[in-house]
N, C-alpha and C. Protein backbone atom coordinates (compact mmCIF):
# COMPACT_ATOMS: atom_id res chain seq x y z
N UNK A 1 131.93 61.12 82.70
CA UNK A 1 132.76 62.31 82.77
C UNK A 1 131.92 63.57 82.62
N UNK A 2 130.95 63.52 81.73
CA UNK A 2 130.12 64.70 81.52
C UNK A 2 129.30 65.04 82.75
N UNK A 3 128.79 64.01 83.47
CA UNK A 3 128.01 64.26 84.68
C UNK A 3 128.85 64.99 85.71
N UNK A 4 130.12 64.60 85.85
CA UNK A 4 131.02 65.28 86.77
C UNK A 4 131.22 66.73 86.38
N UNK A 5 131.33 66.97 85.09
CA UNK A 5 131.50 68.33 84.61
C UNK A 5 130.27 69.18 84.96
N UNK A 6 129.07 68.62 84.76
CA UNK A 6 127.86 69.36 85.09
C UNK A 6 127.79 69.67 86.57
N UNK A 7 128.20 68.70 87.40
CA UNK A 7 128.19 68.91 88.84
C UNK A 7 129.12 70.06 89.21
N UNK A 8 130.29 70.10 88.62
CA UNK A 8 131.23 71.18 88.87
C UNK A 8 130.67 72.52 88.45
N UNK A 9 129.96 72.56 87.34
CA UNK A 9 129.34 73.79 86.86
C UNK A 9 128.30 74.27 87.85
N UNK A 10 127.48 73.35 88.38
CA UNK A 10 126.46 73.71 89.35
C UNK A 10 127.10 74.32 90.60
N UNK A 11 128.16 73.71 91.08
CA UNK A 11 128.86 74.24 92.26
C UNK A 11 129.41 75.63 91.97
N UNK A 12 129.97 75.83 90.78
CA UNK A 12 130.49 77.13 90.41
C UNK A 12 129.39 78.18 90.37
N UNK A 13 128.20 77.81 89.86
CA UNK A 13 127.09 78.75 89.79
C UNK A 13 126.66 79.22 91.17
N UNK A 14 126.75 78.32 92.17
CA UNK A 14 126.39 78.69 93.53
C UNK A 14 127.35 79.70 94.14
N UNK A 15 128.55 79.81 93.58
CA UNK A 15 129.54 80.74 94.10
C UNK A 15 129.53 82.09 93.40
N UNK A 16 128.87 82.17 92.25
CA UNK A 16 128.82 83.42 91.50
C UNK A 16 128.01 84.44 92.30
N UNK A 17 128.60 85.60 92.52
CA UNK A 17 127.93 86.65 93.28
C UNK A 17 127.17 87.56 92.32
N UNK A 18 125.99 87.97 92.77
CA UNK A 18 125.17 88.87 91.98
C UNK A 18 124.78 90.05 92.85
N UNK A 19 124.69 91.24 92.25
CA UNK A 19 124.34 92.44 93.01
C UNK A 19 122.83 92.62 93.04
N UNK A 20 122.35 93.02 94.22
CA UNK A 20 120.93 93.30 94.42
C UNK A 20 120.79 94.65 95.11
N UNK A 21 119.77 95.40 94.70
CA UNK A 21 119.42 96.64 95.38
C UNK A 21 118.39 96.27 96.45
N UNK A 22 118.62 96.70 97.69
CA UNK A 22 117.66 96.42 98.75
C UNK A 22 116.86 97.68 99.06
N UNK A 23 115.59 97.46 99.41
CA UNK A 23 114.70 98.56 99.77
C UNK A 23 113.71 98.07 100.81
N UNK A 24 113.07 99.02 101.47
CA UNK A 24 112.11 98.66 102.50
C UNK A 24 110.69 98.99 102.07
N UNK A 25 109.80 98.11 102.49
CA UNK A 25 108.35 98.30 102.38
C UNK A 25 107.80 97.92 103.74
N UNK A 26 107.28 98.91 104.47
CA UNK A 26 106.82 98.62 105.82
C UNK A 26 108.01 98.17 106.66
N UNK A 27 107.85 97.04 107.36
CA UNK A 27 108.92 96.53 108.22
C UNK A 27 109.81 95.52 107.52
N UNK A 28 109.56 95.25 106.24
CA UNK A 28 110.30 94.21 105.52
C UNK A 28 111.33 94.82 104.59
N UNK A 29 112.38 94.04 104.35
CA UNK A 29 113.41 94.47 103.41
C UNK A 29 113.39 93.53 102.21
N UNK A 30 113.41 94.11 101.04
CA UNK A 30 113.33 93.37 99.79
C UNK A 30 114.60 93.60 98.99
N UNK A 31 114.89 92.68 98.07
CA UNK A 31 116.05 92.82 97.18
C UNK A 31 115.61 92.52 95.76
N UNK A 32 116.11 93.31 94.82
CA UNK A 32 115.84 93.08 93.40
C UNK A 32 117.16 93.12 92.64
N UNK A 33 117.20 92.42 91.53
CA UNK A 33 118.39 92.38 90.67
C UNK A 33 118.75 93.80 90.25
N UNK A 34 119.96 94.22 90.57
CA UNK A 34 120.36 95.60 90.28
C UNK A 34 120.43 95.87 88.78
N UNK A 35 120.57 94.83 87.97
CA UNK A 35 120.62 95.03 86.52
C UNK A 35 119.29 95.51 85.96
N UNK A 36 118.20 95.35 86.72
CA UNK A 36 116.88 95.83 86.29
C UNK A 36 116.67 97.30 86.65
N UNK A 37 117.55 97.86 87.50
CA UNK A 37 117.39 99.22 88.00
C UNK A 37 118.04 100.22 87.05
N UNK A 38 117.25 101.17 86.58
CA UNK A 38 117.77 102.22 85.71
C UNK A 38 118.26 103.40 86.54
N UNK A 39 117.44 103.82 87.52
CA UNK A 39 117.82 104.93 88.39
C UNK A 39 116.90 104.98 89.60
N UNK A 40 117.29 105.79 90.57
CA UNK A 40 116.50 105.99 91.78
C UNK A 40 116.21 107.48 91.87
N UNK A 41 114.94 107.82 92.09
CA UNK A 41 114.52 109.23 92.11
C UNK A 41 113.71 109.50 93.37
N UNK A 42 113.72 110.74 93.79
CA UNK A 42 112.82 111.14 94.88
C UNK A 42 111.38 111.05 94.39
N UNK A 43 110.45 110.84 95.32
CA UNK A 43 109.04 110.72 94.93
C UNK A 43 108.50 112.08 94.51
N UNK A 44 107.84 112.10 93.37
CA UNK A 44 107.11 113.28 92.92
C UNK A 44 105.71 112.82 92.52
N UNK A 45 104.73 113.64 92.81
CA UNK A 45 103.35 113.25 92.55
C UNK A 45 103.15 113.04 91.05
N UNK A 46 102.73 111.82 90.65
CA UNK A 46 102.53 111.56 89.22
C UNK A 46 101.20 112.11 88.72
N UNK A 47 101.05 112.15 87.41
CA UNK A 47 99.79 112.53 86.78
C UNK A 47 98.85 111.34 86.87
N UNK A 48 97.66 111.58 87.40
CA UNK A 48 96.70 110.50 87.58
C UNK A 48 96.15 110.00 86.26
N UNK A 49 95.79 108.71 86.24
CA UNK A 49 95.17 108.10 85.07
C UNK A 49 93.80 107.58 85.51
N UNK A 50 92.76 107.97 84.79
CA UNK A 50 91.40 107.54 85.14
C UNK A 50 91.26 106.02 85.06
N UNK A 51 90.54 105.46 86.01
CA UNK A 51 90.20 104.04 86.06
C UNK A 51 91.40 103.11 86.21
N UNK A 52 92.53 103.63 86.65
CA UNK A 52 93.69 102.77 86.91
C UNK A 52 93.48 102.06 88.24
N UNK A 53 94.05 100.87 88.41
CA UNK A 53 93.97 100.19 89.73
C UNK A 53 94.59 101.09 90.80
N UNK A 54 94.17 100.95 92.06
CA UNK A 54 94.66 101.84 93.12
C UNK A 54 96.18 101.85 93.29
N UNK A 55 96.84 100.73 93.01
CA UNK A 55 98.29 100.68 93.19
C UNK A 55 99.05 101.38 92.08
N UNK A 56 98.39 101.72 90.97
CA UNK A 56 99.03 102.50 89.92
C UNK A 56 98.72 103.97 90.21
N UNK A 57 99.75 104.67 90.69
CA UNK A 57 99.57 106.05 91.15
C UNK A 57 99.42 107.03 89.99
N UNK A 58 99.84 106.65 88.79
CA UNK A 58 99.77 107.53 87.63
C UNK A 58 101.00 107.35 86.78
N UNK A 59 101.37 108.41 86.07
CA UNK A 59 102.54 108.36 85.20
C UNK A 59 103.40 109.61 85.40
N UNK A 60 104.68 109.48 85.08
CA UNK A 60 105.56 110.65 85.04
C UNK A 60 106.23 110.67 83.67
N UNK A 61 106.70 111.86 83.30
CA UNK A 61 107.44 112.02 82.06
C UNK A 61 108.92 112.03 82.44
N UNK A 62 109.62 110.97 82.05
CA UNK A 62 111.03 110.83 82.38
C UNK A 62 111.85 111.01 81.10
N UNK A 63 112.32 112.23 80.91
CA UNK A 63 113.11 112.55 79.71
C UNK A 63 112.44 112.07 78.42
N UNK A 64 111.14 112.34 78.31
CA UNK A 64 110.41 112.01 77.09
C UNK A 64 109.75 110.64 77.09
N UNK A 65 110.00 109.83 78.12
CA UNK A 65 109.37 108.51 78.22
C UNK A 65 108.27 108.59 79.28
N UNK A 66 107.07 108.13 78.93
CA UNK A 66 105.97 108.10 79.89
C UNK A 66 106.12 106.82 80.72
N UNK A 67 106.28 107.00 82.02
CA UNK A 67 106.58 105.89 82.92
C UNK A 67 105.44 105.69 83.92
N UNK A 68 104.78 104.52 83.91
CA UNK A 68 103.77 104.25 84.93
C UNK A 68 104.44 104.08 86.30
N UNK A 69 103.78 104.58 87.35
CA UNK A 69 104.31 104.53 88.71
C UNK A 69 103.42 103.61 89.54
N UNK A 70 104.02 102.54 90.07
CA UNK A 70 103.32 101.55 90.88
C UNK A 70 103.76 101.70 92.32
N UNK A 71 102.81 101.84 93.24
CA UNK A 71 103.14 101.90 94.66
C UNK A 71 103.09 100.48 95.21
N UNK A 72 104.25 99.88 95.44
CA UNK A 72 104.31 98.50 95.91
C UNK A 72 103.70 98.35 97.30
N UNK A 73 103.68 99.42 98.09
CA UNK A 73 103.08 99.34 99.42
C UNK A 73 101.58 99.09 99.30
N UNK A 74 100.95 99.71 98.32
CA UNK A 74 99.51 99.48 98.09
C UNK A 74 99.30 98.12 97.45
N UNK A 75 100.14 97.77 96.47
CA UNK A 75 100.03 96.48 95.79
C UNK A 75 100.12 95.31 96.78
N UNK A 76 101.05 95.43 97.75
CA UNK A 76 101.24 94.35 98.73
C UNK A 76 100.36 94.53 99.97
N UNK A 77 99.44 95.52 99.94
CA UNK A 77 98.49 95.77 101.03
C UNK A 77 99.20 95.90 102.37
N UNK A 78 100.14 96.84 102.45
CA UNK A 78 100.93 97.03 103.65
C UNK A 78 100.38 98.11 104.57
N UNK A 79 99.11 98.40 104.48
CA UNK A 79 98.49 99.35 105.40
C UNK A 79 98.65 100.79 104.95
N UNK A 80 98.67 101.68 105.93
CA UNK A 80 98.73 103.13 105.68
C UNK A 80 99.97 103.49 104.87
N UNK A 81 99.78 104.28 103.83
CA UNK A 81 100.87 104.70 102.97
C UNK A 81 101.14 106.18 103.22
N UNK A 82 102.33 106.49 103.68
CA UNK A 82 102.74 107.88 103.89
C UNK A 82 103.87 108.20 102.93
N UNK A 83 103.80 109.38 102.35
CA UNK A 83 104.87 109.83 101.47
C UNK A 83 105.76 110.78 102.27
N UNK A 84 106.99 110.34 102.55
CA UNK A 84 107.92 111.11 103.35
C UNK A 84 109.10 111.52 102.48
N UNK A 85 110.02 112.33 103.02
CA UNK A 85 111.22 112.67 102.24
C UNK A 85 112.07 111.44 101.88
N UNK A 86 111.92 110.32 102.62
CA UNK A 86 112.67 109.11 102.31
C UNK A 86 112.02 108.27 101.21
N UNK A 87 110.74 108.54 100.91
CA UNK A 87 110.04 107.78 99.89
C UNK A 87 110.71 108.01 98.54
N UNK A 88 111.00 106.90 97.84
CA UNK A 88 111.68 107.01 96.56
C UNK A 88 110.97 106.19 95.49
N UNK A 89 111.30 106.49 94.26
CA UNK A 89 110.81 105.73 93.12
C UNK A 89 112.02 105.07 92.48
N UNK A 90 111.95 103.75 92.36
CA UNK A 90 113.00 103.01 91.66
C UNK A 90 112.52 102.84 90.23
N UNK A 91 113.27 103.40 89.29
CA UNK A 91 112.92 103.28 87.87
C UNK A 91 113.54 101.97 87.37
N UNK A 92 112.69 101.09 86.86
CA UNK A 92 113.11 99.77 86.39
C UNK A 92 113.11 99.74 84.87
N UNK A 93 114.10 99.11 84.31
CA UNK A 93 114.16 98.89 82.87
C UNK A 93 113.92 97.40 82.65
N UNK A 94 112.72 97.07 82.19
CA UNK A 94 112.32 95.67 82.04
C UNK A 94 112.17 95.34 80.56
N UNK A 95 113.29 95.30 79.87
CA UNK A 95 113.25 95.02 78.44
C UNK A 95 112.66 96.19 77.69
N UNK A 96 111.50 95.99 77.11
CA UNK A 96 110.86 97.04 76.31
C UNK A 96 110.04 98.00 77.17
N UNK A 97 110.00 97.78 78.47
CA UNK A 97 109.13 98.59 79.33
C UNK A 97 109.91 99.27 80.45
N UNK A 98 109.61 100.53 80.70
CA UNK A 98 110.17 101.25 81.85
C UNK A 98 109.04 101.50 82.82
N UNK A 99 109.25 101.11 84.08
CA UNK A 99 108.22 101.22 85.11
C UNK A 99 108.88 101.78 86.36
N UNK A 100 108.16 102.61 87.10
CA UNK A 100 108.65 103.10 88.39
C UNK A 100 107.90 102.43 89.52
N UNK A 101 108.62 102.08 90.59
CA UNK A 101 107.97 101.51 91.77
C UNK A 101 108.28 102.39 92.98
N UNK A 102 107.22 102.70 93.75
CA UNK A 102 107.36 103.51 94.95
C UNK A 102 107.66 102.58 96.12
N UNK A 103 108.71 102.90 96.87
CA UNK A 103 109.09 102.14 98.06
C UNK A 103 109.35 103.12 99.20
N UNK A 104 109.34 102.59 100.44
CA UNK A 104 109.55 103.46 101.60
C UNK A 104 110.94 104.08 101.60
N UNK A 105 111.96 103.29 101.32
CA UNK A 105 113.33 103.80 101.24
C UNK A 105 114.22 102.76 100.58
N UNK A 106 115.34 103.23 100.05
CA UNK A 106 116.34 102.33 99.49
C UNK A 106 117.40 102.13 100.56
N UNK A 107 117.83 100.87 100.74
CA UNK A 107 118.81 100.57 101.78
C UNK A 107 120.22 100.62 101.23
N UNK A 108 120.62 99.58 100.47
CA UNK A 108 121.97 99.52 99.94
C UNK A 108 122.05 98.49 98.83
N UNK A 109 123.25 98.29 98.32
CA UNK A 109 123.50 97.26 97.32
C UNK A 109 124.23 96.13 98.03
N UNK A 110 123.74 94.91 97.85
CA UNK A 110 124.35 93.75 98.50
C UNK A 110 124.76 92.73 97.44
N UNK A 111 125.68 91.88 97.81
CA UNK A 111 126.12 90.79 96.93
C UNK A 111 125.59 89.49 97.51
N UNK A 112 124.94 88.68 96.68
CA UNK A 112 124.42 87.38 97.10
C UNK A 112 124.81 86.33 96.07
N UNK A 113 125.09 85.13 96.53
CA UNK A 113 125.27 84.00 95.64
C UNK A 113 123.99 83.19 95.65
N UNK A 114 123.81 82.33 94.67
CA UNK A 114 122.62 81.48 94.61
C UNK A 114 122.51 80.63 95.87
N UNK A 115 123.64 80.23 96.44
CA UNK A 115 123.64 79.38 97.64
C UNK A 115 123.11 80.12 98.86
N UNK A 116 123.21 81.45 98.87
CA UNK A 116 122.74 82.23 100.01
C UNK A 116 121.22 82.45 99.98
N UNK A 117 120.59 82.21 98.85
CA UNK A 117 119.14 82.46 98.71
C UNK A 117 118.41 81.15 98.94
N UNK A 118 117.64 81.10 100.01
CA UNK A 118 116.86 79.90 100.36
C UNK A 118 115.48 80.01 99.76
N UNK A 119 114.89 78.89 99.33
CA UNK A 119 113.52 78.95 98.78
C UNK A 119 112.54 79.51 99.80
N UNK A 120 111.57 80.25 99.30
CA UNK A 120 110.53 80.79 100.19
C UNK A 120 109.67 79.64 100.69
N UNK A 121 109.26 79.68 101.96
CA UNK A 121 108.39 78.61 102.47
C UNK A 121 107.02 78.68 101.81
N UNK A 122 106.33 77.56 101.78
CA UNK A 122 104.96 77.54 101.25
C UNK A 122 104.03 78.18 102.26
N UNK A 123 103.26 79.13 101.82
CA UNK A 123 102.25 79.76 102.66
C UNK A 123 100.88 79.30 102.19
N UNK A 124 99.87 79.76 102.86
CA UNK A 124 98.51 79.42 102.44
C UNK A 124 98.24 80.05 101.07
N UNK A 125 97.17 79.65 100.47
CA UNK A 125 96.83 80.14 99.13
C UNK A 125 96.57 81.64 99.12
N UNK A 126 96.34 82.25 100.29
CA UNK A 126 96.06 83.68 100.33
C UNK A 126 97.32 84.52 100.16
N UNK A 127 98.50 83.91 100.33
CA UNK A 127 99.76 84.65 100.20
C UNK A 127 100.46 84.20 98.93
N UNK A 128 100.65 85.12 98.01
CA UNK A 128 101.20 84.80 96.69
C UNK A 128 102.72 84.84 96.71
N UNK A 129 103.37 83.70 96.55
CA UNK A 129 104.84 83.65 96.57
C UNK A 129 105.44 83.52 95.18
N UNK A 130 104.62 83.64 94.12
CA UNK A 130 105.17 83.44 92.78
C UNK A 130 106.18 84.51 92.37
N UNK A 131 106.20 85.64 93.06
CA UNK A 131 107.15 86.71 92.73
C UNK A 131 108.36 86.71 93.65
N UNK A 132 108.42 85.75 94.58
CA UNK A 132 109.53 85.67 95.52
C UNK A 132 110.51 84.60 95.06
N UNK A 133 111.75 85.01 94.83
CA UNK A 133 112.81 84.08 94.44
C UNK A 133 113.20 83.26 95.66
N UNK A 134 113.31 83.92 96.80
CA UNK A 134 113.69 83.24 98.03
C UNK A 134 114.01 84.24 99.12
N UNK A 135 114.58 83.73 100.20
CA UNK A 135 114.95 84.55 101.35
C UNK A 135 116.45 84.43 101.58
N UNK A 136 117.07 85.55 101.90
CA UNK A 136 118.50 85.55 102.19
C UNK A 136 118.73 86.15 103.57
N UNK A 137 119.52 85.45 104.37
CA UNK A 137 119.89 85.97 105.69
C UNK A 137 121.23 86.66 105.58
N UNK A 138 121.27 87.87 106.08
CA UNK A 138 122.53 88.63 106.09
C UNK A 138 122.68 89.24 107.47
N UNK A 139 123.71 88.79 108.18
CA UNK A 139 123.96 89.24 109.54
C UNK A 139 122.66 89.10 110.34
N UNK A 140 122.10 90.20 110.82
CA UNK A 140 120.91 90.11 111.66
C UNK A 140 119.63 90.40 110.89
N UNK A 141 119.70 90.44 109.55
CA UNK A 141 118.51 90.80 108.80
C UNK A 141 118.13 89.74 107.77
N UNK A 142 116.84 89.67 107.49
CA UNK A 142 116.31 88.75 106.50
C UNK A 142 115.83 89.60 105.32
N UNK A 143 116.26 89.23 104.12
CA UNK A 143 115.92 89.98 102.91
C UNK A 143 115.07 89.08 102.01
N UNK A 144 113.96 89.63 101.50
CA UNK A 144 113.09 88.90 100.59
C UNK A 144 113.55 89.21 99.16
N UNK A 145 114.10 88.21 98.49
CA UNK A 145 114.60 88.40 97.12
C UNK A 145 113.42 88.24 96.17
N UNK A 146 113.15 89.28 95.41
CA UNK A 146 111.94 89.37 94.59
C UNK A 146 112.27 89.34 93.10
N UNK A 147 111.45 88.62 92.34
CA UNK A 147 111.57 88.64 90.88
C UNK A 147 110.73 89.81 90.39
N UNK A 148 111.34 90.99 90.36
CA UNK A 148 110.60 92.22 90.06
C UNK A 148 110.07 92.22 88.63
N UNK A 149 110.78 91.60 87.71
CA UNK A 149 110.31 91.57 86.33
C UNK A 149 109.04 90.72 86.22
N UNK A 150 109.01 89.57 86.87
CA UNK A 150 107.81 88.72 86.84
C UNK A 150 106.63 89.46 87.47
N UNK A 151 106.88 90.17 88.57
CA UNK A 151 105.82 90.93 89.23
C UNK A 151 105.28 92.02 88.31
N UNK A 152 106.17 92.81 87.73
CA UNK A 152 105.74 93.95 86.92
C UNK A 152 105.09 93.53 85.60
N UNK A 153 105.42 92.34 85.11
CA UNK A 153 104.82 91.91 83.83
C UNK A 153 103.66 90.94 84.04
N UNK A 154 103.24 90.73 85.29
CA UNK A 154 102.11 89.83 85.54
C UNK A 154 100.81 90.47 85.06
N UNK A 155 99.85 89.65 84.73
CA UNK A 155 98.58 90.14 84.17
C UNK A 155 97.85 91.07 85.13
N UNK A 156 97.91 90.80 86.44
CA UNK A 156 97.15 91.63 87.39
C UNK A 156 97.74 93.02 87.56
N UNK A 157 98.95 93.27 87.04
CA UNK A 157 99.52 94.60 87.12
C UNK A 157 98.92 95.54 86.07
N UNK A 158 98.33 94.98 85.03
CA UNK A 158 97.69 95.77 83.97
C UNK A 158 98.67 96.76 83.34
N UNK A 159 99.95 96.40 83.29
CA UNK A 159 100.95 97.32 82.74
C UNK A 159 101.39 96.93 81.33
N UNK A 160 101.32 95.64 80.99
CA UNK A 160 101.87 95.22 79.71
C UNK A 160 100.85 94.57 78.81
N UNK A 161 99.59 94.62 79.20
CA UNK A 161 98.57 93.99 78.34
C UNK A 161 98.61 94.55 76.93
N UNK A 162 98.68 95.87 76.84
CA UNK A 162 98.67 96.49 75.51
C UNK A 162 99.95 96.17 74.75
N UNK A 163 101.07 96.15 75.46
CA UNK A 163 102.36 95.90 74.81
C UNK A 163 102.50 94.47 74.32
N UNK A 164 101.84 93.53 75.00
CA UNK A 164 101.99 92.12 74.66
C UNK A 164 101.12 91.73 73.46
N UNK A 165 100.07 92.46 73.24
CA UNK A 165 99.14 92.06 72.18
C UNK A 165 99.56 92.54 70.82
């Protein structure tokens, strides 16, 4: 009887809808858990930090909180980076850390169930899929569902080393 109950719970979990914020980087569309999003702001040039990795553009002062700004286009090596009026910063609240990510544009908020998100295919070792939850097809578009918290707290981001120790 308990096994049947667990099976029913799994089926129910696949039907639960979750909201995701979608944004574009280059020609691709990405989605992140909207509960991690604090706000969306227009891009403003941050204060540079000496010896920071190239993808860390600097910091901004957001109502008294110093927020590191990461350009995901540089982090994902998406070629030429242009800052246009559509360029935005998504401010993320990741537990004890607030981080801003620069993206080309924000698209919309979508609802996805676990059943709609397919596992990412295995790529060669040169393509890192550890931050990809999966892929979701919506009408004529494919959305890359990203674990933004795992990405932002990874060791190579150099954002939480000091906070973790």
